[in-house]
Amino acid sequence: MADSDIGVADSIYVSIHELIDKPEAQIEQDKQRNLKRFEANKVSYVRNLFRRLNSPRDEAMKECIKKVLERIDQIKSCYEGGVEEVYQNNNKFAEMMVIDGCFILEVIYASFKKHDSHSFFDINLVSLYVKHDLVLLENQIPFFVLEDLFRCTISLIEPSLSLVTLVLEFLEDINPFSDKKLVDNIPADTDHDHILGLLQKCYQPMDLSRAGLKFAPNKNEKSILTMEFKVSRLPFHFFLMGKPTFFMPVLTIEDYTESFFRNLIAYEQFTPATSKHITSYAFAMDCLLDSQEYVHKVIDSKVFINNLGSTKEA
């Protein structure tokens, strides 16, 4: 870092140091004032995070500040609408990033450690607030900031821990698909925009090409739009193996097909009392056939009969 940058880092360090080194009685007084209550909680949690470290607390804090300052322009560029006027100043902005980021890490880590160093009531109350706060789009912190701070703090305590795993285990309580654990669906892609982006990737549907999905015409004559998903199971030693097959209604594509569906969908959307089965079918097709590869597959499997000549037009 240049001398000027070191001066900035020292200034931010002093500011944060003064905040977290307030006497306990002063922090408790701050908590009693509604406007400062949550900010006071943040400060006590940040202080607790640095107290956990075996390495000198001052060095770890300065390293956190340094990491944020090194990427300050990159961090600001992540906020499309720009940052609030009060945070136009890089010092203030970096201070906020360090405090908010370290607060998030301490809450998550304390929850993972079963509320050590915090009262059961306090950590549960704060955790509940933070869990909901972490999935608000307007509250996102770039994930690379959390990773940098994580490496400067929690990784020094437990090097084997993964930030992604800690975050997903922490958010498990608010996962609406409770029969599937978030940690069992950790995305292979390691480049996350923020915590909300990581969460979104956990709900990504199965990669159909890797699953070896096949398409086949649905011979069910009872309903035109019936679609079925089946996995054929073939005995192989002690295992059952088979590839999934998606049985779909045969669709003949002509020049007028798009207009045909557009008007049926428009009718469904503007008539509240009608069921939305055509809209649902079109939505399912749009999700499934998101590449030329899958369009070719359904045409080759005779599910789509393309009378337009070109698969791109289909």
C-alpha atoms as a PDB file:
ATOM      1  CA  MET A   1       0.000   0.000   0.000  1.00  0.00           C
ATOM      2  CA  ALA A   2       1.140   3.548  -0.698  1.00  0.00           C
ATOM      3  CA  ASP A   3       1.877   5.868   2.254  1.00  0.00           C
ATOM      4  CA  SER A   4      -1.389   7.742   1.670  1.00  0.00           C
ATOM      5  CA  ASP A   5      -3.324   4.468   1.697  1.00  0.00           C
ATOM      6  CA  ILE A   6      -1.625   3.449   4.948  1.00  0.00           C
ATOM      7  CA  GLY A   7      -2.738   6.769   6.450  1.00  0.00           C
ATOM      8  CA  VAL A   8      -6.330   6.121   5.363  1.00  0.00           C
ATOM      9  CA  ALA A   9      -6.210   2.579   6.770  1.00  0.00           C
ATOM     10  CA  ASP A  10      -4.888   3.873  10.089  1.00  0.00           C
ATOM     11  CA  SER A  11      -7.659   6.478  10.227  1.00  0.00           C
ATOM     12  CA  ILE A  12     -10.343   3.812   9.648  1.00  0.00           C
ATOM     13  CA  TYR A  13      -8.664   1.517  12.171  1.00  0.00           C
ATOM     14  CA  VAL A  14      -8.788   4.227  14.845  1.00  0.00           C
ATOM     15  CA  SER A  15     -12.475   4.877  14.103  1.00  0.00           C
ATOM     16  CA  ILE A  16     -13.436   1.188  14.344  1.00  0.00           C
ATOM     17  CA  HIS A  17     -11.149   0.656  17.331  1.00  0.00           C
ATOM     18  CA  GLU A  18     -12.857   3.463  19.244  1.00  0.00           C
ATOM     19  CA  LEU A  19     -16.248   1.936  18.485  1.00  0.00           C
ATOM     20  CA  ILE A  20     -15.485  -1.606  19.590  1.00  0.00           C
ATOM     21  CA  ASP A  21     -13.371  -0.575  22.573  1.00  0.00           C
ATOM     22  CA  LYS A  22     -16.181   1.301  24.266  1.00  0.00           C
ATOM     23  CA  PRO A  23     -16.747   0.133  27.853  1.00  0.00           C
ATOM     24  CA  GLU A  24     -19.425  -2.553  28.218  1.00  0.00           C
ATOM     25  CA  ALA A  25     -21.575  -0.153  30.214  1.00  0.00           C
ATOM     26  CA  GLN A  26     -21.494   2.387  27.380  1.00  0.00           C
ATOM     27  CA  ILE A  27     -22.533  -0.246  24.795  1.00  0.00           C
ATOM     28  CA  GLU A  28     -25.386  -1.345  27.056  1.00  0.00           C
ATOM     29  CA  GLN A  29     -26.521   2.274  27.316  1.00  0.00           C
ATOM     30  CA  ASP A  30     -26.437   2.552  23.522  1.00  0.00           C
ATOM     31  CA  LYS A  31     -28.609  -0.564  23.259  1.00  0.00           C
ATOM     32  CA  GLN A  32     -31.266   1.107  25.385  1.00  0.00           C
ATOM     33  CA  ARG A  33     -31.639   3.938  22.851  1.00  0.00           C
ATOM     34  CA  ASN A  34     -33.869   2.700  20.023  1.00  0.00           C
ATOM     35  CA  LEU A  35     -32.021   4.511  17.229  1.00  0.00           C
ATOM     36  CA  LYS A  36     -28.684   3.025  18.251  1.00  0.00           C
ATOM     37  CA  ARG A  37     -29.795  -0.343  19.551  1.00  0.00           C
ATOM     38  CA  PHE A  38     -28.959  -2.446  16.513  1.00  0.00           C
ATOM     39  CA  GLU A  39     -25.779  -0.476  15.726  1.00  0.00           C
ATOM     40  CA  ALA A  40     -24.649  -1.102  19.305  1.00  0.00           C
ATOM     41  CA  ASN A  41     -25.356  -4.792  18.832  1.00  0.00           C
ATOM     42  CA  LYS A  42     -23.228  -4.743  15.676  1.00  0.00           C
ATOM     43  CA  VAL A  43     -20.326  -3.231  17.567  1.00  0.00           C
ATOM     44  CA  SER A  44     -20.455  -5.856  20.326  1.00  0.00           C
ATOM     45  CA  TYR A  45     -20.541  -8.652  17.745  1.00  0.00           C
ATOM     46  CA  VAL A  46     -17.614  -7.211  15.767  1.00  0.00           C
ATOM     47  CA  ARG A  47     -15.618  -6.915  18.981  1.00  0.00           C
ATOM     48  CA  ASN A  48     -16.401 -10.511  19.841  1.00  0.00           C
ATOM     49  CA  LEU A  49     -15.211 -11.714  16.419  1.00  0.00           C
ATOM     50  CA  PHE A  50     -11.792 -10.122  16.884  1.00  0.00           C
ATOM     51  CA  ARG A  51     -11.584 -11.404  20.465  1.00  0.00           C
ATOM     52  CA  ARG A  52     -11.795 -14.946  19.137  1.00  0.00           C
ATOM     53  CA  LEU A  53      -8.521 -14.609  17.234  1.00  0.00           C
ATOM     54  CA  ASN A  54      -5.272 -16.047  18.538  1.00  0.00           C
ATOM     55  CA  SER A  55      -3.298 -13.610  16.420  1.00  0.00           C
ATOM     56  CA  PRO A  56      -3.067  -9.972  17.573  1.00  0.00           C
ATOM     57  CA  ARG A  57      -6.476  -8.353  17.199  1.00  0.00           C
ATOM     58  CA  ASP A  58      -5.052  -5.087  15.896  1.00  0.00           C
ATOM     59  CA  GLU A  59      -3.187  -6.821  13.064  1.00  0.00           C
ATOM     60  CA  ALA A  60      -6.282  -8.780  11.996  1.00  0.00           C
ATOM     61  CA  MET A  61      -8.443  -5.661  11.999  1.00  0.00           C
ATOM     62  CA  LYS A  62      -5.894  -3.711   9.973  1.00  0.00           C
ATOM     63  CA  GLU A  63      -5.704  -6.578   7.470  1.00  0.00           C
ATOM     64  CA  CYS A  64      -9.498  -6.495   7.084  1.00  0.00           C
ATOM     65  CA  ILE A  65      -9.392  -2.752   6.420  1.00  0.00           C
ATOM     66  CA  LYS A  66      -6.511  -3.186   3.961  1.00  0.00           C
ATOM     67  CA  LYS A  67      -8.404  -5.866   1.990  1.00  0.00           C
ATOM     68  CA  VAL A  68     -11.478  -3.626   1.702  1.00  0.00           C
ATOM     69  CA  LEU A  69      -9.490  -0.546   0.700  1.00  0.00           C
ATOM     70  CA  GLU A  70      -7.610  -2.475  -1.994  1.00  0.00           C
ATOM     71  CA  ARG A  71     -10.911  -3.231  -3.717  1.00  0.00           C
ATOM     72  CA  ILE A  72     -12.918  -0.159  -2.781  1.00  0.00           C
ATOM     73  CA  ASP A  73     -13.651   0.869  -6.394  1.00  0.00           C
ATOM     74  CA  GLN A  74     -14.656  -2.691  -7.310  1.00  0.00           C
ATOM     75  CA  ILE A  75     -16.951  -2.829  -4.283  1.00  0.00           C
ATOM     76  CA  LYS A  76     -18.627   0.479  -5.137  1.00  0.00           C
ATOM     77  CA  SER A  77     -19.138  -0.653  -8.752  1.00  0.00           C
ATOM     78  CA  CYS A  78     -21.288  -3.532  -7.443  1.00  0.00           C
ATOM     79  CA  TYR A  79     -23.961  -1.047  -6.350  1.00  0.00           C
ATOM     80  CA  GLU A  80     -25.825  -0.183  -9.538  1.00  0.00           C
ATOM     81  CA  GLY A  81     -27.622   2.866  -8.190  1.00  0.00           C
ATOM     82  CA  GLY A  82     -24.471   4.119  -6.480  1.00  0.00           C
ATOM     83  CA  VAL A  83     -23.901   4.367  -2.743  1.00  0.00           C
ATOM     84  CA  GLU A  84     -25.639   6.749  -0.338  1.00  0.00           C
ATOM     85  CA  GLU A  85     -24.202  10.251  -0.129  1.00  0.00           C
ATOM     86  CA  VAL A  86     -22.875   9.669   3.378  1.00  0.00           C
ATOM     87  CA  TYR A  87     -20.760   6.806   2.019  1.00  0.00           C
ATOM     88  CA  GLN A  88     -19.296   8.651  -0.963  1.00  0.00           C
ATOM     89  CA  ASN A  89     -16.288   9.157   1.284  1.00  0.00           C
ATOM     90  CA  ASN A  90     -14.092   6.057   0.906  1.00  0.00           C
ATOM     91  CA  ASN A  91     -13.151   6.055   4.586  1.00  0.00           C
ATOM     92  CA  LYS A  92     -16.781   5.934   5.719  1.00  0.00           C
ATOM     93  CA  PHE A  93     -17.665   3.364   3.087  1.00  0.00           C
ATOM     94  CA  ALA A  94     -14.739   1.075   3.975  1.00  0.00           C
ATOM     95  CA  GLU A  95     -15.558   1.380   7.674  1.00  0.00           C
ATOM     96  CA  MET A  96     -19.174   0.369   6.996  1.00  0.00           C
ATOM     97  CA  MET A  97     -18.051  -2.624   4.889  1.00  0.00           C
ATOM     98  CA  VAL A  98     -15.702  -3.889   7.604  1.00  0.00           C
ATOM     99  CA  ILE A  99     -18.224  -3.445  10.425  1.00  0.00           C
ATOM    100  CA  ASP A 100     -21.215  -4.884   8.528  1.00  0.00           C
ATOM    101  CA  GLY A 101     -19.198  -7.732   7.029  1.00  0.00           C
ATOM    102  CA  CYS A 102     -17.575  -8.723  10.330  1.00  0.00           C
ATOM    103  CA  PHE A 103     -20.940  -8.467  12.104  1.00  0.00           C
ATOM    104  CA  ILE A 104     -22.477 -10.904   9.590  1.00  0.00           C
ATOM    105  CA  LEU A 105     -19.551 -13.310   9.977  1.00  0.00           C
ATOM    106  CA  GLU A 106     -19.732 -13.264  13.780  1.00  0.00           C
ATOM    107  CA  VAL A 107     -23.504 -13.900  13.846  1.00  0.00           C
ATOM    108  CA  ILE A 108     -23.130 -16.814  11.411  1.00  0.00           C
ATOM    109  CA  TYR A 109     -20.127 -18.265  13.222  1.00  0.00           C
ATOM    110  CA  ALA A 110     -21.691 -17.883  16.685  1.00  0.00           C
ATOM    111  CA  SER A 111     -24.782 -19.701  15.404  1.00  0.00           C
ATOM    112  CA  PHE A 112     -22.548 -22.483  14.020  1.00  0.00           C
ATOM    113  CA  LYS A 113     -20.775 -22.735  17.407  1.00  0.00           C
ATOM    114  CA  LYS A 114     -24.143 -23.074  19.161  1.00  0.00           C
ATOM    115  CA  HIS A 115     -24.291 -19.582  20.614  1.00  0.00           C
ATOM    116  CA  ASP A 116     -20.935 -19.535  22.394  1.00  0.00           C
ATOM    117  CA  SER A 117     -19.855 -16.136  23.772  1.00  0.00           C
ATOM    118  CA  HIS A 118     -23.404 -14.769  23.494  1.00  0.00           C
ATOM    119  CA  SER A 119     -26.528 -15.251  25.583  1.00  0.00           C
ATOM    120  CA  PHE A 120     -28.984 -17.763  24.107  1.00  0.00           C
ATOM    121  CA  PHE A 121     -31.732 -15.114  23.898  1.00  0.00           C
ATOM    122  CA  ASP A 122     -29.471 -12.472  22.367  1.00  0.00           C
ATOM    123  CA  ILE A 123     -27.993 -14.645  19.593  1.00  0.00           C
ATOM    124  CA  ASN A 124     -31.381 -16.147  18.707  1.00  0.00           C
ATOM    125  CA  LEU A 125     -33.033 -12.751  18.482  1.00  0.00           C
ATOM    126  CA  VAL A 126     -30.201 -11.260  16.437  1.00  0.00           C
ATOM    127  CA  SER A 127     -29.933 -14.377  14.224  1.00  0.00           C
ATOM    128  CA  LEU A 128     -33.635 -14.250  13.385  1.00  0.00           C
ATOM    129  CA  TYR A 129     -33.312 -10.608  12.345  1.00  0.00           C
ATOM    130  CA  VAL A 130     -30.121 -11.193  10.349  1.00  0.00           C
ATOM    131  CA  LYS A 131     -31.474 -14.258   8.518  1.00  0.00           C
ATOM    132  CA  HIS A 132     -34.301 -12.235   7.053  1.00  0.00           C
ATOM    133  CA  ASP A 133     -32.058  -9.209   6.542  1.00  0.00           C
ATOM    134  CA  LEU A 134     -29.493 -11.228   4.564  1.00  0.00           C
ATOM    135  CA  VAL A 135     -31.974 -12.143   1.830  1.00  0.00           C
ATOM    136  CA  LEU A 136     -33.129  -8.568   1.160  1.00  0.00           C
ATOM    137  CA  LEU A 137     -31.756  -7.467  -2.191  1.00  0.00           C
ATOM    138  CA  GLU A 138     -31.036  -3.948  -0.963  1.00  0.00           C
ATOM    139  CA  ASN A 139     -28.867  -5.268   1.907  1.00  0.00           C
ATOM    140  CA  GLN A 140     -26.403  -7.344  -0.089  1.00  0.00           C
ATOM    141  CA  ILE A 141     -22.645  -7.079   0.422  1.00  0.00           C
ATOM    142  CA  PRO A 142     -20.414  -8.371  -2.405  1.00  0.00           C
ATOM    143  CA  PHE A 143     -19.512 -11.967  -1.612  1.00  0.00           C
ATOM    144  CA  PHE A 144     -15.823 -11.382  -2.315  1.00  0.00           C
ATOM    145  CA  VAL A 145     -15.803  -8.836   0.549  1.00  0.00           C
ATOM    146  CA  LEU A 146     -17.190 -11.433   2.964  1.00  0.00           C
ATOM    147  CA  GLU A 147     -14.635 -13.962   1.661  1.00  0.00           C
ATOM    148  CA  ASP A 148     -11.737 -11.534   2.219  1.00  0.00           C
ATOM    149  CA  LEU A 149     -12.918 -10.752   5.752  1.00  0.00           C
ATOM    150  CA  PHE A 150     -13.543 -14.453   6.415  1.00  0.00           C
ATOM    151  CA  ARG A 151      -9.939 -15.298   5.450  1.00  0.00           C
ATOM    152  CA  CYS A 152      -8.657 -12.577   7.799  1.00  0.00           C
ATOM    153  CA  THR A 153     -10.731 -13.799  10.752  1.00  0.00           C
ATOM    154  CA  ILE A 154     -12.612 -17.098  10.983  1.00  0.00           C
ATOM    155  CA  SER A 155     -10.225 -18.966   8.679  1.00  0.00           C
ATOM    156  CA  LEU A 156      -7.455 -18.197  11.159  1.00  0.00           C
ATOM    157  CA  ILE A 157      -9.487 -19.959  13.877  1.00  0.00           C
ATOM    158  CA  GLU A 158     -10.779 -22.917  11.850  1.00  0.00           C
ATOM    159  CA  PRO A 159      -9.003 -23.205   8.471  1.00  0.00           C
ATOM    160  CA  SER A 160     -11.154 -26.135   7.330  1.00  0.00           C
ATOM    161  CA  LEU A 161     -14.426 -24.180   7.498  1.00  0.00           C
ATOM    162  CA  SER A 162     -16.105 -23.008   4.306  1.00  0.00           C
ATOM    163  CA  LEU A 163     -17.893 -19.656   4.213  1.00  0.00           C
ATOM    164  CA  VAL A 164     -20.433 -21.021   1.707  1.00  0.00           C
ATOM    165  CA  THR A 165     -21.304 -23.948   3.996  1.00  0.00           C
ATOM    166  CA  LEU A 166     -21.589 -21.704   7.067  1.00  0.00           C
ATOM    167  CA  VAL A 167     -23.891 -19.267   5.237  1.00  0.00           C
ATOM    168  CA  LEU A 168     -26.173 -22.015   3.899  1.00  0.00           C
ATOM    169  CA  GLU A 169     -26.407 -23.804   7.256  1.00  0.00           C
ATOM    170  CA  PHE A 170     -27.264 -20.477   8.878  1.00  0.00           C
ATOM    171  CA  LEU A 171     -30.072 -19.813   6.359  1.00  0.00           C
ATOM    172  CA  GLU A 172     -31.515 -23.333   6.576  1.00  0.00           C
ATOM    173  CA  ASP A 173     -34.271 -22.207   8.973  1.00  0.00           C
ATOM    174  CA  ILE A 174     -35.789 -19.902   6.348  1.00  0.00           C
ATOM    175  CA  ASN A 175     -35.457 -22.343   3.439  1.00  0.00           C
ATOM    176  CA  PRO A 176     -39.082 -22.815   2.248  1.00  0.00           C
ATOM    177  CA  PHE A 177     -38.217 -26.194   0.646  1.00  0.00           C
ATOM    178  CA  SER A 178     -37.637 -27.789   4.018  1.00  0.00           C
ATOM    179  CA  ASP A 179     -37.335 -31.386   2.779  1.00  0.00           C
ATOM    180  CA  LYS A 180     -34.175 -30.467   0.805  1.00  0.00           C
ATOM    181  CA  LYS A 181     -31.144 -29.093   2.616  1.00  0.00           C
ATOM    182  CA  LEU A 182     -29.352 -26.095   1.121  1.00  0.00           C
ATOM    183  CA  VAL A 183     -25.942 -27.573   1.961  1.00  0.00           C
ATOM    184  CA  ASP A 184     -26.803 -30.620  -0.157  1.00  0.00           C
ATOM    185  CA  ASN A 185     -27.220 -28.340  -3.161  1.00  0.00           C
ATOM    186  CA  ILE A 186     -24.053 -26.256  -3.017  1.00  0.00           C
ATOM    187  CA  PRO A 187     -23.475 -24.930  -6.539  1.00  0.00           C
ATOM    188  CA  ALA A 188     -20.338 -26.000  -8.418  1.00  0.00           C
ATOM    189  CA  ASP A 189     -19.936 -22.401  -9.571  1.00  0.00           C
ATOM    190  CA  THR A 190     -17.854 -20.618  -6.919  1.00  0.00           C
ATOM    191  CA  ASP A 191     -18.331 -17.079  -8.234  1.00  0.00           C
ATOM    192  CA  HIS A 192     -21.211 -15.609  -6.217  1.00  0.00           C
ATOM    193  CA  ASP A 193     -22.445 -12.010  -6.436  1.00  0.00           C
ATOM    194  CA  HIS A 194     -23.574 -11.971  -2.827  1.00  0.00           C
ATOM    195  CA  ILE A 195     -25.417 -14.159  -0.296  1.00  0.00           C
ATOM    196  CA  LEU A 196     -28.722 -13.819  -2.161  1.00  0.00           C
ATOM    197  CA  GLY A 197     -26.978 -14.866  -5.388  1.00  0.00           C
ATOM    198  CA  LEU A 198     -25.524 -17.925  -3.639  1.00  0.00           C
ATOM    199  CA  LEU A 199     -28.962 -18.837  -2.330  1.00  0.00           C
ATOM    200  CA  GLN A 200     -30.508 -18.483  -5.796  1.00  0.00           C
ATOM    201  CA  LYS A 201     -27.947 -20.916  -7.255  1.00  0.00           C
ATOM    202  CA  CYS A 202     -28.922 -23.551  -4.667  1.00  0.00           C
ATOM    203  CA  TYR A 203     -32.375 -23.676  -6.264  1.00  0.00           C
ATOM    204  CA  GLN A 204     -31.033 -24.151  -9.774  1.00  0.00           C
ATOM    205  CA  PRO A 205     -32.785 -27.087 -11.449  1.00  0.00           C
ATOM    206  CA  MET A 206     -30.961 -30.246 -12.408  1.00  0.00           C
ATOM    207  CA  ASP A 207     -28.703 -30.022 -15.462  1.00  0.00           C
ATOM    208  CA  LEU A 208     -30.786 -32.075 -17.879  1.00  0.00           C
ATOM    209  CA  SER A 209     -27.909 -32.893 -20.223  1.00  0.00           C
ATOM    210  CA  ARG A 210     -25.837 -34.356 -17.385  1.00  0.00           C
ATOM    211  CA  ALA A 211     -28.827 -36.309 -16.156  1.00  0.00           C
ATOM    212  CA  GLY A 212     -29.136 -37.868 -19.623  1.00  0.00           C
ATOM    213  CA  LEU A 213     -32.755 -36.773 -19.956  1.00  0.00           C
ATOM    214  CA  LYS A 214     -34.664 -38.302 -22.850  1.00  0.00           C
ATOM    215  CA  PHE A 215     -37.880 -37.017 -24.432  1.00  0.00           C
ATOM    216  CA  ALA A 216     -40.692 -39.210 -25.724  1.00  0.00           C
ATOM    217  CA  PRO A 217     -44.243 -38.680 -27.052  1.00  0.00           C
ATOM    218  CA  ASN A 218     -46.925 -39.082 -24.420  1.00  0.00           C
ATOM    219  CA  LYS A 219     -49.419 -41.680 -25.560  1.00  0.00           C
ATOM    220  CA  ASN A 220     -51.931 -40.770 -22.860  1.00  0.00           C
ATOM    221  CA  GLU A 221     -55.162 -40.015 -24.723  1.00  0.00           C
ATOM    222  CA  LYS A 222     -57.115 -38.789 -21.684  1.00  0.00           C
ATOM    223  CA  SER A 223     -55.627 -35.297 -21.645  1.00  0.00           C
ATOM    224  CA  ILE A 224     -53.976 -33.353 -24.468  1.00  0.00           C
ATOM    225  CA  LEU A 225     -51.464 -31.542 -22.289  1.00  0.00           C
ATOM    226  CA  THR A 226     -50.468 -34.357 -19.919  1.00  0.00           C
ATOM    227  CA  MET A 227     -46.740 -34.451 -19.211  1.00  0.00           C
ATOM    228  CA  GLU A 228     -45.039 -37.187 -17.186  1.00  0.00           C
ATOM    229  CA  PHE A 229     -41.532 -37.610 -15.803  1.00  0.00           C
ATOM    230  CA  LYS A 230     -40.394 -41.196 -15.300  1.00  0.00           C
ATOM    231  CA  VAL A 231     -37.145 -42.947 -14.452  1.00  0.00           C
ATOM    232  CA  SER A 232     -36.765 -46.439 -15.866  1.00  0.00           C
ATOM    233  CA  ARG A 233     -35.046 -48.659 -13.328  1.00  0.00           C
ATOM    234  CA  LEU A 234     -32.822 -51.441 -14.560  1.00  0.00           C
ATOM    235  CA  PRO A 235     -31.237 -53.879 -12.053  1.00  0.00           C
ATOM    236  CA  PHE A 236     -27.426 -53.742 -12.119  1.00  0.00           C
ATOM    237  CA  HIS A 237     -25.777 -55.832  -9.405  1.00  0.00           C
ATOM    238  CA  PHE A 238     -27.022 -54.222  -6.183  1.00  0.00           C
ATOM    239  CA  PHE A 239     -28.010 -50.909  -7.739  1.00  0.00           C
ATOM    240  CA  LEU A 240     -30.904 -49.638  -9.798  1.00  0.00           C
ATOM    241  CA  MET A 241     -29.817 -47.639 -12.811  1.00  0.00           C
ATOM    242  CA  GLY A 242     -31.767 -45.819 -15.480  1.00  0.00           C
ATOM    243  CA  LYS A 243     -32.148 -42.576 -17.403  1.00  0.00           C
ATOM    244  CA  PRO A 244     -35.053 -40.193 -16.827  1.00  0.00           C
ATOM    245  CA  THR A 245     -37.601 -39.757 -19.599  1.00  0.00           C
ATOM    246  CA  PHE A 246     -39.932 -36.804 -20.026  1.00  0.00           C
ATOM    247  CA  PHE A 247     -43.145 -37.843 -21.801  1.00  0.00           C
ATOM    248  CA  MET A 248     -44.691 -34.835 -23.546  1.00  0.00           C
ATOM    249  CA  PRO A 249     -47.662 -34.184 -25.828  1.00  0.00           C
ATOM    250  CA  VAL A 250     -46.771 -34.230 -29.524  1.00  0.00           C
ATOM    251  CA  LEU A 251     -46.734 -30.672 -30.860  1.00  0.00           C
ATOM    252  CA  THR A 252     -46.868 -29.844 -34.576  1.00  0.00           C
ATOM    253  CA  ILE A 253     -45.240 -26.487 -35.280  1.00  0.00           C
ATOM    254  CA  GLU A 254     -46.656 -24.485 -38.177  1.00  0.00           C
ATOM    255  CA  ASP A 255     -46.504 -20.820 -39.199  1.00  0.00           C
ATOM    256  CA  TYR A 256     -49.583 -20.034 -37.117  1.00  0.00           C
ATOM    257  CA  THR A 257     -48.596 -21.999 -33.950  1.00  0.00           C
ATOM    258  CA  GLU A 258     -47.041 -19.043 -32.121  1.00  0.00           C
ATOM    259  CA  SER A 259     -50.100 -16.854 -32.726  1.00  0.00           C
ATOM    260  CA  PHE A 260     -52.345 -19.737 -31.645  1.00  0.00           C
ATOM    261  CA  PHE A 261     -50.635 -20.014 -28.267  1.00  0.00           C
ATOM    262  CA  ARG A 262     -50.201 -16.268 -27.754  1.00  0.00           C
ATOM    263  CA  ASN A 263     -53.929 -15.713 -28.033  1.00  0.00           C
ATOM    264  CA  LEU A 264     -54.826 -18.594 -25.719  1.00  0.00           C
ATOM    265  CA  ILE A 265     -52.336 -17.303 -23.152  1.00  0.00           C
ATOM    266  CA  ALA A 266     -53.689 -13.754 -23.504  1.00  0.00           C
ATOM    267  CA  TYR A 267     -57.217 -15.056 -22.890  1.00  0.00           C
ATOM    268  CA  GLU A 268     -56.078 -16.910 -19.751  1.00  0.00           C
ATOM    269  CA  GLN A 269     -54.224 -13.867 -18.410  1.00  0.00           C
ATOM    270  CA  PHE A 270     -57.140 -11.472 -18.939  1.00  0.00           C
ATOM    271  CA  THR A 271     -59.822 -13.850 -17.664  1.00  0.00           C
ATOM    272  CA  PRO A 272     -59.196 -14.437 -13.936  1.00  0.00           C
ATOM    273  CA  ALA A 273     -61.789 -17.198 -13.563  1.00  0.00           C
ATOM    274  CA  THR A 274     -60.179 -19.515 -16.139  1.00  0.00           C
ATOM    275  CA  SER A 275     -57.470 -22.058 -15.347  1.00  0.00           C
ATOM    276  CA  LYS A 276     -53.976 -21.256 -16.618  1.00  0.00           C
ATOM    277  CA  HIS A 277     -53.019 -24.638 -18.117  1.00  0.00           C
ATOM    278  CA  ILE A 278     -51.907 -23.250 -21.508  1.00  0.00           C
ATOM    279  CA  THR A 279     -49.789 -20.622 -19.749  1.00  0.00           C
ATOM    280  CA  SER A 280     -48.296 -23.337 -17.513  1.00  0.00           C
ATOM    281  CA  TYR A 281     -47.507 -25.511 -20.549  1.00  0.00           C
ATOM    282  CA  ALA A 282     -45.818 -22.600 -22.366  1.00  0.00           C
ATOM    283  CA  PHE A 283     -43.831 -21.711 -19.241  1.00  0.00           C
ATOM    284  CA  ALA A 284     -42.673 -25.324 -18.839  1.00  0.00           C
ATOM    285  CA  MET A 285     -41.560 -25.425 -22.471  1.00  0.00           C
ATOM    286  CA  ASP A 286     -39.682 -22.165 -22.098  1.00  0.00           C
ATOM    287  CA  CYS A 287     -37.813 -23.509 -19.050  1.00  0.00           C
ATOM    288  CA  LEU A 288     -37.044 -26.902 -20.585  1.00  0.00           C
ATOM    289  CA  LEU A 289     -36.080 -25.847 -24.083  1.00  0.00           C
ATOM    290  CA  ASP A 290     -33.581 -23.147 -23.208  1.00  0.00           C
ATOM    291  CA  SER A 291     -31.007 -24.160 -25.838  1.00  0.00           C
ATOM    292  CA  GLN A 292     -30.842 -25.402 -29.423  1.00  0.00           C
ATOM    293  CA  GLU A 293     -29.564 -28.715 -28.055  1.00  0.00           C
ATOM    294  CA  TYR A 294     -32.878 -29.450 -26.343  1.00  0.00           C
ATOM    295  CA  VAL A 295     -34.905 -28.243 -29.317  1.00  0.00           C
ATOM    296  CA  HIS A 296     -33.016 -30.750 -31.463  1.00  0.00           C
ATOM    297  CA  LYS A 297     -33.660 -33.450 -28.858  1.00  0.00           C
ATOM    298  CA  VAL A 298     -37.433 -32.997 -28.801  1.00  0.00           C
ATOM    299  CA  ILE A 299     -37.580 -32.866 -32.602  1.00  0.00           C
ATOM    300  CA  ASP A 300     -35.446 -36.028 -32.930  1.00  0.00           C
ATOM    301  CA  SER A 301     -37.643 -37.791 -30.363  1.00  0.00           C
ATOM    302  CA  LYS A 302     -40.782 -36.945 -32.400  1.00  0.00           C
ATOM    303  CA  VAL A 303     -42.261 -34.879 -29.573  1.00  0.00           C
ATOM    304  CA  PHE A 304     -42.121 -31.796 -31.796  1.00  0.00           C
ATOM    305  CA  ILE A 305     -42.971 -32.075 -35.462  1.00  0.00           C
ATOM    306  CA  ASN A 306     -41.323 -29.072 -37.039  1.00  0.00           C
ATOM    307  CA  ASN A 307     -42.965 -28.017 -40.301  1.00  0.00           C
ATOM    308  CA  LEU A 308     -41.073 -24.710 -40.390  1.00  0.00           C
ATOM    309  CA  GLY A 309     -37.927 -26.228 -41.806  1.00  0.00           C
ATOM    310  CA  SER A 310     -35.445 -24.588 -39.415  1.00  0.00           C
ATOM    311  CA  THR A 311     -34.946 -25.505 -35.760  1.00  0.00           C
ATOM    312  CA  LYS A 312     -34.076 -21.846 -35.033  1.00  0.00           C
ATOM    313  CA  GLU A 313     -37.504 -20.789 -36.229  1.00  0.00           C
ATOM    314  CA  ALA A 314     -39.079 -23.539 -34.131  1.00  0.00           C
END
